[in-house]
Amino acid sequence: MSSSNVDVHELIAWGLDEYPYRDAAMDLGREGLAKKVERGQNKLAERECGANCPALLAEQTEAINYLLDECRQRPDLHAEYEGLDWTLGIVDLRRLLAFQRRLVFRARQHTSPTLQQDDWPQLISFTVGPQRSTEHCFVRNWSSKGDLDISLHASNPDLEVRLSQNTGPGFQLPLSLYGGSPCFEVAELRGRWFLRDGYHRAYRLLQAGVHRIPAIVIYTRTIDELGATEPWFFSEEQLFSERPPHVTDFLDENLVLRYERTALRKVIRIRVEKSMQAFDETDDVQGDEI
């Protein structure tokens, strides 16, 4: 694999979505791809129906509550999950459903972590870690009209620009960078347990033989709170079908299609345009007070 390419693992037994990178990268051809999808669907048909198996492990959670309590007090976690019904607990990765269709790995990213089952301090550090990186490349350009165009280029696909809650003397623009949730997140919705965030870490943990892990556990009320709303995710109908996709299915060669595609980067573009506009009585008056 070249440094400009990434390795894609795609679940195929639940049908394929429109994804141009797959078509461009595949060397199987339409007939070969159709046969591989059919084999995956036949494999899936052998699976027993039913997916309402609780993933939260009460006894293991109780046993290490003294460690989890330290994390439950973290201000950043309370800010991250404000408005949600959440807690911390030990979950079984083998019981989690997956709403992501694809995992994307960079070169040399398949190596499993050197983690041991039941080494709870190390596992907590791995799954409920510090904030994710907001590292980026800053690019600015001026238009012929004198307007400023700012771009942030980052390898982290979850990088966002957010309104900051910070206030105080000397504070200027209410903007901050956010690198995405640093935590392994599990969500329950209508009796089914889903991996909400942490798919790549889950893949590497399962490769290493680790399946009981600490996680943020969220009791969601809607598909929106679950987060399975992007068009490239599995549909709600598929997730609540008799044989939905599981996180462990990414490790089953019969259910996964592998191919390379060009590496992508996240680009956030902000355009600064200057203008003069009339104000009304509700606006702040222009100029300094006398």
C-alpha atoms as a PDB file:
ATOM      1  CA  MET A   1       0.000   0.000   0.000  1.00  0.00           C
ATOM      2  CA  SER A   2       1.406   3.379  -0.951  1.00  0.00           C
ATOM      3  CA  SER A   3       1.567   6.191   1.598  1.00  0.00           C
ATOM      4  CA  SER A   4      -1.123   8.065  -0.354  1.00  0.00           C
ATOM      5  CA  ASN A   5      -3.602   5.183  -0.076  1.00  0.00           C
ATOM      6  CA  VAL A   6      -5.661   3.749   2.756  1.00  0.00           C
ATOM      7  CA  ASP A   7      -7.075   0.280   3.343  1.00  0.00           C
ATOM      8  CA  VAL A   8     -10.886   0.004   3.474  1.00  0.00           C
ATOM      9  CA  HIS A   9     -12.767  -2.812   5.252  1.00  0.00           C
ATOM     10  CA  GLU A  10     -16.438  -2.778   4.212  1.00  0.00           C
ATOM     11  CA  LEU A  11     -19.298  -4.934   5.482  1.00  0.00           C
ATOM     12  CA  ILE A  12     -21.126  -6.346   2.449  1.00  0.00           C
ATOM     13  CA  ALA A  13     -23.736  -8.880   3.607  1.00  0.00           C
ATOM     14  CA  TRP A  14     -26.346  -6.135   4.131  1.00  0.00           C
ATOM     15  CA  GLY A  15     -26.167  -4.737   0.619  1.00  0.00           C
ATOM     16  CA  LEU A  16     -23.949  -1.984  -0.767  1.00  0.00           C
ATOM     17  CA  ASP A  17     -24.502   1.745  -0.799  1.00  0.00           C
ATOM     18  CA  GLU A  18     -23.374   4.217  -3.436  1.00  0.00           C
ATOM     19  CA  TYR A  19     -19.647   4.685  -2.847  1.00  0.00           C
ATOM     20  CA  PRO A  20     -17.583   5.849  -5.851  1.00  0.00           C
ATOM     21  CA  TYR A  21     -14.252   4.974  -4.232  1.00  0.00           C
ATOM     22  CA  ARG A  22     -15.244   1.306  -4.117  1.00  0.00           C
ATOM     23  CA  ASP A  23     -16.049   1.204  -7.812  1.00  0.00           C
ATOM     24  CA  ALA A  24     -12.788   2.921  -8.718  1.00  0.00           C
ATOM     25  CA  ALA A  25     -10.629   0.657  -6.543  1.00  0.00           C
ATOM     26  CA  MET A  26     -12.203  -2.752  -7.121  1.00  0.00           C
ATOM     27  CA  ASP A  27     -10.477  -5.231  -9.402  1.00  0.00           C
ATOM     28  CA  LEU A  28     -13.153  -7.941  -9.026  1.00  0.00           C
ATOM     29  CA  GLY A  29     -15.496  -6.532 -11.636  1.00  0.00           C
ATOM     30  CA  ARG A  30     -19.254  -6.490 -11.272  1.00  0.00           C
ATOM     31  CA  GLU A  31     -19.657 -10.251 -11.488  1.00  0.00           C
ATOM     32  CA  GLY A  32     -16.910 -10.963  -8.965  1.00  0.00           C
ATOM     33  CA  LEU A  33     -18.289  -8.382  -6.547  1.00  0.00           C
ATOM     34  CA  ALA A  34     -21.822  -9.793  -6.874  1.00  0.00           C
ATOM     35  CA  LYS A  35     -20.539 -13.282  -6.042  1.00  0.00           C
ATOM     36  CA  LYS A  36     -18.669 -12.037  -2.975  1.00  0.00           C
ATOM     37  CA  VAL A  37     -21.775 -10.185  -1.756  1.00  0.00           C
ATOM     38  CA  GLU A  38     -23.862 -13.320  -2.303  1.00  0.00           C
ATOM     39  CA  ARG A  39     -21.404 -15.427  -0.278  1.00  0.00           C
ATOM     40  CA  GLY A  40     -21.608 -12.910   2.528  1.00  0.00           C
ATOM     41  CA  GLN A  41     -25.383 -12.937   2.482  1.00  0.00           C
ATOM     42  CA  ASN A  42     -25.433 -16.738   2.549  1.00  0.00           C
ATOM     43  CA  LYS A  43     -23.094 -16.675   5.545  1.00  0.00           C
ATOM     44  CA  LEU A  44     -25.364 -14.168   7.266  1.00  0.00           C
ATOM     45  CA  ALA A  45     -28.442 -16.316   6.622  1.00  0.00           C
ATOM     46  CA  GLU A  46     -26.859 -19.071   8.743  1.00  0.00           C
ATOM     47  CA  ARG A  47     -26.818 -16.788  11.786  1.00  0.00           C
ATOM     48  CA  GLU A  48     -29.501 -17.178  14.433  1.00  0.00           C
ATOM     49  CA  CYS A  49     -32.041 -14.375  14.666  1.00  0.00           C
ATOM     50  CA  GLY A  50     -32.074 -12.032  17.637  1.00  0.00           C
ATOM     51  CA  ALA A  51     -29.817  -9.153  18.657  1.00  0.00           C
ATOM     52  CA  ASN A  52     -31.248  -7.872  21.944  1.00  0.00           C
ATOM     53  CA  CYS A  53     -28.415  -9.176  24.118  1.00  0.00           C
ATOM     54  CA  PRO A  54     -27.379  -6.674  26.847  1.00  0.00           C
ATOM     55  CA  ALA A  55     -23.767  -5.546  26.445  1.00  0.00           C
ATOM     56  CA  LEU A  56     -23.334  -3.889  29.862  1.00  0.00           C
ATOM     57  CA  LEU A  57     -21.636  -6.239  32.351  1.00  0.00           C
ATOM     58  CA  ALA A  58     -22.994  -5.361  35.792  1.00  0.00           C
ATOM     59  CA  GLU A  59     -20.705  -7.523  37.946  1.00  0.00           C
ATOM     60  CA  GLN A  60     -17.487  -6.394  36.247  1.00  0.00           C
ATOM     61  CA  THR A  61     -18.649  -2.771  36.431  1.00  0.00           C
ATOM     62  CA  GLU A  62     -19.336  -3.053  40.153  1.00  0.00           C
ATOM     63  CA  ALA A  63     -15.937  -4.637  40.744  1.00  0.00           C
ATOM     64  CA  ILE A  64     -14.017  -1.622  39.390  1.00  0.00           C
ATOM     65  CA  ASN A  65     -16.429   1.174  40.280  1.00  0.00           C
ATOM     66  CA  TYR A  66     -13.705   2.773  42.393  1.00  0.00           C
ATOM     67  CA  LEU A  67     -11.682   3.320  39.202  1.00  0.00           C
ATOM     68  CA  LEU A  68     -14.639   4.397  37.072  1.00  0.00           C
ATOM     69  CA  ASP A  69     -15.747   6.937  39.694  1.00  0.00           C
ATOM     70  CA  GLU A  70     -12.611   8.975  39.017  1.00  0.00           C
ATOM     71  CA  CYS A  71     -13.578   9.257  35.354  1.00  0.00           C
ATOM     72  CA  ARG A  72     -17.218  10.047  36.163  1.00  0.00           C
ATOM     73  CA  GLN A  73     -16.049  13.250  37.857  1.00  0.00           C
ATOM     74  CA  ARG A  74     -14.152  14.581  34.849  1.00  0.00           C
ATOM     75  CA  PRO A  75     -15.523  18.012  33.815  1.00  0.00           C
ATOM     76  CA  ASP A  76     -14.721  17.378  30.145  1.00  0.00           C
ATOM     77  CA  LEU A  77     -16.935  14.267  30.112  1.00  0.00           C
ATOM     78  CA  HIS A  78     -19.823  16.153  31.698  1.00  0.00           C
ATOM     79  CA  ALA A  79     -19.450  18.858  29.041  1.00  0.00           C
ATOM     80  CA  GLU A  80     -19.173  16.289  26.226  1.00  0.00           C
ATOM     81  CA  TYR A  81     -22.329  14.392  27.195  1.00  0.00           C
ATOM     82  CA  GLU A  82     -24.454  17.218  28.543  1.00  0.00           C
ATOM     83  CA  GLY A  83     -28.132  16.523  27.934  1.00  0.00           C
ATOM     84  CA  LEU A  84     -27.626  12.759  27.516  1.00  0.00           C
ATOM     85  CA  ASP A  85     -28.407   9.951  29.962  1.00  0.00           C
ATOM     86  CA  TRP A  86     -24.937   8.454  30.391  1.00  0.00           C
ATOM     87  CA  THR A  87     -22.697   6.548  32.770  1.00  0.00           C
ATOM     88  CA  LEU A  88     -19.477   4.514  32.719  1.00  0.00           C
ATOM     89  CA  GLY A  89     -19.398   0.735  32.683  1.00  0.00           C
ATOM     90  CA  ILE A  90     -17.779  -2.439  31.403  1.00  0.00           C
ATOM     91  CA  VAL A  91     -19.208  -3.707  28.114  1.00  0.00           C
ATOM     92  CA  ASP A  92     -18.700  -6.794  25.963  1.00  0.00           C
ATOM     93  CA  LEU A  93     -17.548  -5.880  22.455  1.00  0.00           C
ATOM     94  CA  ARG A  94     -18.900  -9.148  21.076  1.00  0.00           C
ATOM     95  CA  ARG A  95     -22.470  -8.062  21.841  1.00  0.00           C
ATOM     96  CA  LEU A  96     -22.367  -4.685  20.092  1.00  0.00           C
ATOM     97  CA  LEU A  97     -24.080  -3.861  16.811  1.00  0.00           C
ATOM     98  CA  ALA A  98     -22.382  -1.700  14.169  1.00  0.00           C
ATOM     99  CA  PHE A  99     -23.990   1.112  12.198  1.00  0.00           C
ATOM    100  CA  GLN A 100     -20.800   2.003  10.295  1.00  0.00           C
ATOM    101  CA  ARG A 101     -20.379   0.265   6.946  1.00  0.00           C
ATOM    102  CA  ARG A 102     -16.655   0.885   6.552  1.00  0.00           C
ATOM    103  CA  LEU A 103     -13.444   1.120   8.534  1.00  0.00           C
ATOM    104  CA  VAL A 104     -10.499   2.980   7.003  1.00  0.00           C
ATOM    105  CA  PHE A 105      -6.920   2.281   8.081  1.00  0.00           C
ATOM    106  CA  ARG A 106      -3.687   4.045   7.286  1.00  0.00           C
ATOM    107  CA  ALA A 107      -0.553   2.038   6.530  1.00  0.00           C
ATOM    108  CA  ARG A 108       0.905   0.230   9.585  1.00  0.00           C
ATOM    109  CA  GLN A 109      -2.300   0.880  11.548  1.00  0.00           C
ATOM    110  CA  HIS A 110      -3.422  -2.753  11.753  1.00  0.00           C
ATOM    111  CA  THR A 111      -1.112  -3.660  14.646  1.00  0.00           C
ATOM    112  CA  SER A 112      -3.089  -4.665  17.723  1.00  0.00           C
ATOM    113  CA  PRO A 113      -2.360  -2.734  20.941  1.00  0.00           C
ATOM    114  CA  THR A 114      -0.346  -4.417  23.686  1.00  0.00           C
ATOM    115  CA  LEU A 115      -3.285  -4.510  26.090  1.00  0.00           C
ATOM    116  CA  GLN A 116      -4.293  -7.276  28.454  1.00  0.00           C
ATOM    117  CA  GLN A 117      -7.809  -8.274  29.391  1.00  0.00           C
ATOM    118  CA  ASP A 118      -8.683  -7.103  32.931  1.00  0.00           C
ATOM    119  CA  ASP A 119      -5.778  -4.626  33.098  1.00  0.00           C
ATOM    120  CA  TRP A 120      -8.365  -1.989  33.944  1.00  0.00           C
ATOM    121  CA  PRO A 121      -6.116   1.077  34.491  1.00  0.00           C
ATOM    122  CA  GLN A 122      -4.516   0.536  31.091  1.00  0.00           C
ATOM    123  CA  LEU A 123      -7.849  -0.162  29.382  1.00  0.00           C
ATOM    124  CA  ILE A 124      -9.445   2.935  30.935  1.00  0.00           C
ATOM    125  CA  SER A 125      -6.558   5.026  29.636  1.00  0.00           C
ATOM    126  CA  PHE A 126      -7.059   3.540  26.158  1.00  0.00           C
ATOM    127  CA  THR A 127     -10.852   3.867  25.946  1.00  0.00           C
ATOM    128  CA  VAL A 128     -11.604   6.970  28.058  1.00  0.00           C
ATOM    129  CA  GLY A 129      -8.551   8.971  27.145  1.00  0.00           C
ATOM    130  CA  PRO A 130      -7.654  12.656  26.798  1.00  0.00           C
ATOM    131  CA  GLN A 131      -8.935  14.980  24.094  1.00  0.00           C
ATOM    132  CA  ARG A 132      -8.186  13.978  20.510  1.00  0.00           C
ATOM    133  CA  SER A 133      -5.696  15.893  18.432  1.00  0.00           C
ATOM    134  CA  THR A 134      -6.723  19.090  16.676  1.00  0.00           C
ATOM    135  CA  GLU A 135      -3.439  19.269  14.753  1.00  0.00           C
ATOM    136  CA  HIS A 136      -3.926  20.940  11.400  1.00  0.00           C
ATOM    137  CA  CYS A 137      -2.247  22.886   8.631  1.00  0.00           C
ATOM    138  CA  PHE A 138      -3.339  26.514   8.377  1.00  0.00           C
ATOM    139  CA  VAL A 139      -3.672  27.929   4.838  1.00  0.00           C
ATOM    140  CA  ARG A 140      -4.787  31.448   3.958  1.00  0.00           C
ATOM    141  CA  ASN A 141      -5.462  33.128   0.617  1.00  0.00           C
ATOM    142  CA  TRP A 142      -6.554  36.614  -0.411  1.00  0.00           C
ATOM    143  CA  SER A 143      -9.065  37.090  -3.226  1.00  0.00           C
ATOM    144  CA  SER A 144      -8.776  39.809  -5.858  1.00  0.00           C
ATOM    145  CA  LYS A 145     -11.417  41.753  -3.866  1.00  0.00           C
ATOM    146  CA  GLY A 146      -9.339  41.613  -0.716  1.00  0.00           C
ATOM    147  CA  ASP A 147     -11.483  38.990   1.026  1.00  0.00           C
ATOM    148  CA  LEU A 148      -9.661  36.462   3.196  1.00  0.00           C
ATOM    149  CA  ASP A 149     -10.144  32.720   2.682  1.00  0.00           C
ATOM    150  CA  ILE A 150      -8.914  30.504   5.539  1.00  0.00           C
ATOM    151  CA  SER A 151      -8.568  26.713   5.308  1.00  0.00           C
ATOM    152  CA  LEU A 152      -7.709  24.150   7.967  1.00  0.00           C
ATOM    153  CA  HIS A 153      -6.342  20.865   6.590  1.00  0.00           C
ATOM    154  CA  ALA A 154      -6.260  17.884   8.974  1.00  0.00           C
ATOM    155  CA  SER A 155      -5.893  14.109   8.898  1.00  0.00           C
ATOM    156  CA  ASN A 156      -8.466  13.810  11.689  1.00  0.00           C
ATOM    157  CA  PRO A 157     -11.833  13.391   9.886  1.00  0.00           C
ATOM    158  CA  ASP A 158     -13.739  14.496  13.005  1.00  0.00           C
ATOM    159  CA  LEU A 159     -12.117  17.914  13.336  1.00  0.00           C
ATOM    160  CA  GLU A 160     -14.719  20.658  13.814  1.00  0.00           C
ATOM    161  CA  VAL A 161     -14.888  24.366  14.465  1.00  0.00           C
ATOM    162  CA  ARG A 162     -17.240  24.993  17.393  1.00  0.00           C
ATOM    163  CA  LEU A 163     -18.643  27.943  19.241  1.00  0.00           C
ATOM    164  CA  SER A 164     -16.691  28.221  22.465  1.00  0.00           C
ATOM    165  CA  GLN A 165     -18.368  28.627  25.832  1.00  0.00           C
ATOM    166  CA  ASN A 166     -15.431  30.607  27.183  1.00  0.00           C
ATOM    167  CA  THR A 167     -16.097  34.158  28.284  1.00  0.00           C
ATOM    168  CA  GLY A 168     -14.074  36.685  30.163  1.00  0.00           C
ATOM    169  CA  PRO A 169     -11.763  39.697  29.823  1.00  0.00           C
ATOM    170  CA  GLY A 170      -9.755  39.755  26.639  1.00  0.00           C
ATOM    171  CA  PHE A 171     -11.790  37.022  24.950  1.00  0.00           C
ATOM    172  CA  GLN A 172     -12.145  37.786  21.253  1.00  0.00           C
ATOM    173  CA  LEU A 173     -13.769  35.245  18.910  1.00  0.00           C
ATOM    174  CA  PRO A 174     -16.085  32.551  20.373  1.00  0.00           C
ATOM    175  CA  LEU A 175     -14.528  29.801  18.228  1.00  0.00           C
ATOM    176  CA  SER A 176     -12.566  26.710  19.176  1.00  0.00           C
ATOM    177  CA  LEU A 177     -11.314  23.526  17.515  1.00  0.00           C
ATOM    178  CA  TYR A 178     -12.756  20.155  18.501  1.00  0.00           C
ATOM    179  CA  GLY A 179     -11.119  16.851  17.558  1.00  0.00           C
ATOM    180  CA  GLY A 180     -14.061  14.540  18.241  1.00  0.00           C
ATOM    181  CA  SER A 181     -14.962  12.422  21.237  1.00  0.00           C
ATOM    182  CA  PRO A 182     -11.882  10.873  22.909  1.00  0.00           C
ATOM    183  CA  CYS A 183     -13.988   8.114  24.471  1.00  0.00           C
ATOM    184  CA  PHE A 184     -15.187   4.680  23.527  1.00  0.00           C
ATOM    185  CA  GLU A 185     -18.975   5.081  23.376  1.00  0.00           C
ATOM    186  CA  VAL A 186     -21.694   2.445  23.584  1.00  0.00           C
ATOM    187  CA  ALA A 187     -25.395   3.273  23.199  1.00  0.00           C
ATOM    188  CA  GLU A 188     -28.607   1.419  23.977  1.00  0.00           C
ATOM    189  CA  LEU A 189     -31.694   2.086  21.873  1.00  0.00           C
ATOM    190  CA  ARG A 190     -34.923   0.095  22.009  1.00  0.00           C
ATOM    191  CA  GLY A 191     -33.236  -2.863  23.643  1.00  0.00           C
ATOM    192  CA  ARG A 192     -30.316  -3.074  21.213  1.00  0.00           C
ATOM    193  CA  TRP A 193     -26.718  -2.163  22.021  1.00  0.00           C
ATOM    194  CA  PHE A 194     -24.589  -0.293  19.495  1.00  0.00           C
ATOM    195  CA  LEU A 195     -21.018   0.883  19.217  1.00  0.00           C
ATOM    196  CA  ARG A 196     -21.479   4.647  18.944  1.00  0.00           C
ATOM    197  CA  ASP A 197     -17.836   5.719  18.665  1.00  0.00           C
ATOM    198  CA  GLY A 198     -14.496   3.888  18.746  1.00  0.00           C
ATOM    199  CA  TYR A 199     -14.753   1.482  15.805  1.00  0.00           C
ATOM    200  CA  HIS A 200     -11.065   1.379  14.960  1.00  0.00           C
ATOM    201  CA  ARG A 201     -10.080   0.846  18.592  1.00  0.00           C
ATOM    202  CA  ALA A 202     -12.691  -1.912  18.868  1.00  0.00           C
ATOM    203  CA  TYR A 203     -11.226  -3.652  15.824  1.00  0.00           C
ATOM    204  CA  ARG A 204      -7.729  -3.601  17.288  1.00  0.00           C
ATOM    205  CA  LEU A 205      -8.930  -4.722  20.729  1.00  0.00           C
ATOM    206  CA  LEU A 206     -10.776  -7.696  19.257  1.00  0.00           C
ATOM    207  CA  GLN A 207      -7.678  -8.605  17.257  1.00  0.00           C
ATOM    208  CA  ALA A 208      -5.748  -8.622  20.536  1.00  0.00           C
ATOM    209  CA  GLY A 209      -8.317 -10.912  22.178  1.00  0.00           C
ATOM    210  CA  VAL A 210      -9.710  -8.168  24.446  1.00  0.00           C
ATOM    211  CA  HIS A 211     -13.503  -7.986  24.506  1.00  0.00           C
ATOM    212  CA  ARG A 212     -14.433  -6.622  27.968  1.00  0.00           C
ATOM    213  CA  ILE A 213     -13.644  -2.919  28.075  1.00  0.00           C
ATOM    214  CA  PRO A 214     -14.604   0.296  29.927  1.00  0.00           C
ATOM    215  CA  ALA A 215     -16.846   2.619  27.934  1.00  0.00           C
ATOM    216  CA  ILE A 216     -19.176   5.569  28.109  1.00  0.00           C
ATOM    217  CA  VAL A 217     -22.664   4.021  28.142  1.00  0.00           C
ATOM    218  CA  ILE A 218     -25.456   6.212  26.757  1.00  0.00           C
ATOM    219  CA  TYR A 219     -29.137   5.392  26.999  1.00  0.00           C
ATOM    220  CA  THR A 220     -30.499   7.001  23.841  1.00  0.00           C
ATOM    221  CA  ARG A 221     -34.120   7.776  22.998  1.00  0.00           C
ATOM    222  CA  THR A 222     -33.934   8.407  19.253  1.00  0.00           C
ATOM    223  CA  ILE A 223     -31.893   7.400  16.234  1.00  0.00           C
ATOM    224  CA  ASP A 224     -30.530  10.970  16.233  1.00  0.00           C
ATOM    225  CA  GLU A 225     -29.132  10.567  19.760  1.00  0.00           C
ATOM    226  CA  LEU A 226     -27.665   7.249  18.688  1.00  0.00           C
ATOM    227  CA  GLY A 227     -25.850   9.084  15.897  1.00  0.00           C
ATOM    228  CA  ALA A 228     -26.665   6.625  13.090  1.00  0.00           C
ATOM    229  CA  THR A 229     -27.986   9.339  10.789  1.00  0.00           C
ATOM    230  CA  GLU A 230     -25.343   9.778   8.094  1.00  0.00           C
ATOM    231  CA  PRO A 231     -26.282   8.520   4.599  1.00  0.00           C
ATOM    232  CA  TRP A 232     -23.216   6.260   4.518  1.00  0.00           C
ATOM    233  CA  PHE A 233     -24.313   4.359   7.662  1.00  0.00           C
ATOM    234  CA  PHE A 234     -26.632   1.362   7.753  1.00  0.00           C
ATOM    235  CA  SER A 235     -30.295   2.315   7.759  1.00  0.00           C
ATOM    236  CA  GLU A 236     -32.559   2.106  10.798  1.00  0.00           C
ATOM    237  CA  GLU A 237     -34.418  -0.745   9.105  1.00  0.00           C
ATOM    238  CA  GLN A 238     -31.199  -2.741   8.771  1.00  0.00           C
ATOM    239  CA  LEU A 239     -30.098  -2.010  12.340  1.00  0.00           C
ATOM    240  CA  PHE A 240     -33.379  -3.325  13.743  1.00  0.00           C
ATOM    241  CA  SER A 241     -33.653  -6.284  11.405  1.00  0.00           C
ATOM    242  CA  GLU A 242     -33.504  -9.931  12.524  1.00  0.00           C
ATOM    243  CA  ARG A 243     -29.803 -10.209  11.645  1.00  0.00           C
ATOM    244  CA  PRO A 244     -28.182  -6.752  12.019  1.00  0.00           C
ATOM    245  CA  PRO A 245     -24.438  -6.104  11.537  1.00  0.00           C
ATOM    246  CA  HIS A 246     -22.175  -6.685  14.549  1.00  0.00           C
ATOM    247  CA  VAL A 247     -18.838  -5.056  15.379  1.00  0.00           C
ATOM    248  CA  THR A 248     -17.212  -8.513  15.295  1.00  0.00           C
ATOM    249  CA  ASP A 249     -18.304  -8.889  11.658  1.00  0.00           C
ATOM    250  CA  PHE A 250     -15.402  -6.658  10.605  1.00  0.00           C
ATOM    251  CA  LEU A 251     -13.113  -9.568  11.509  1.00  0.00           C
ATOM    252  CA  ASP A 252     -15.026 -12.132   9.431  1.00  0.00           C
ATOM    253  CA  GLU A 253     -13.463 -12.430   5.978  1.00  0.00           C
ATOM    254  CA  ASN A 254     -16.738 -13.833   4.617  1.00  0.00           C
ATOM    255  CA  LEU A 255     -18.572 -10.614   5.466  1.00  0.00           C
ATOM    256  CA  VAL A 256     -15.914  -8.023   4.585  1.00  0.00           C
ATOM    257  CA  LEU A 257     -14.709  -6.572   1.308  1.00  0.00           C
ATOM    258  CA  ARG A 258     -11.190  -5.118   1.361  1.00  0.00           C
ATOM    259  CA  TYR A 259      -9.768  -2.634  -1.094  1.00  0.00           C
ATOM    260  CA  GLU A 260      -7.582   0.465  -1.299  1.00  0.00           C
ATOM    261  CA  ARG A 261      -8.619   4.002  -2.038  1.00  0.00           C
ATOM    262  CA  THR A 262      -6.927   7.374  -2.138  1.00  0.00           C
ATOM    263  CA  ALA A 263      -6.335   8.916   1.290  1.00  0.00           C
ATOM    264  CA  LEU A 264      -8.587  11.874   2.128  1.00  0.00           C
ATOM    265  CA  ARG A 265      -8.097  14.830   4.446  1.00  0.00           C
ATOM    266  CA  LYS A 266     -10.574  17.004   6.300  1.00  0.00           C
ATOM    267  CA  VAL A 267     -10.764  20.581   4.983  1.00  0.00           C
ATOM    268  CA  ILE A 268     -12.604  23.302   6.891  1.00  0.00           C
ATOM    269  CA  ARG A 269     -12.893  26.523   4.921  1.00  0.00           C
ATOM    270  CA  ILE A 270     -13.835  29.887   6.423  1.00  0.00           C
ATOM    271  CA  ARG A 271     -14.344  32.906   4.193  1.00  0.00           C
ATOM    272  CA  VAL A 272     -14.046  36.381   5.673  1.00  0.00           C
ATOM    273  CA  GLU A 273     -16.008  38.991   3.707  1.00  0.00           C
ATOM    274  CA  LYS A 274     -16.177  42.662   4.658  1.00  0.00           C
ATOM    275  CA  SER A 275     -19.295  44.808   4.144  1.00  0.00           C
ATOM    276  CA  MET A 276     -21.196  47.741   5.639  1.00  0.00           C
ATOM    277  CA  GLN A 277     -24.823  47.131   6.618  1.00  0.00           C
ATOM    278  CA  ALA A 278     -27.574  49.315   8.051  1.00  0.00           C
ATOM    279  CA  PHE A 279     -28.523  48.645  11.668  1.00  0.00           C
ATOM    280  CA  ASP A 280     -31.832  49.033  13.473  1.00  0.00           C
ATOM    281  CA  GLU A 281     -32.714  49.762  17.103  1.00  0.00           C
ATOM    282  CA  THR A 282     -31.975  46.192  18.154  1.00  0.00           C
ATOM    283  CA  ASP A 283     -28.383  46.403  16.922  1.00  0.00           C
ATOM    284  CA  ASP A 284     -25.428  47.680  18.883  1.00  0.00           C
ATOM    285  CA  VAL A 285     -24.625  51.288  17.936  1.00  0.00           C
ATOM    286  CA  GLN A 286     -21.499  51.713  15.859  1.00  0.00           C
ATOM    287  CA  GLY A 287     -18.575  53.499  17.459  1.00  0.00           C
ATOM    288  CA  ASP A 288     -17.338  54.187  20.977  1.00  0.00           C
ATOM    289  CA  GLU A 289     -19.570  55.603  23.670  1.00  0.00           C
ATOM    290  CA  ILE A 290     -18.946  59.249  24.665  1.00  0.00           C
END
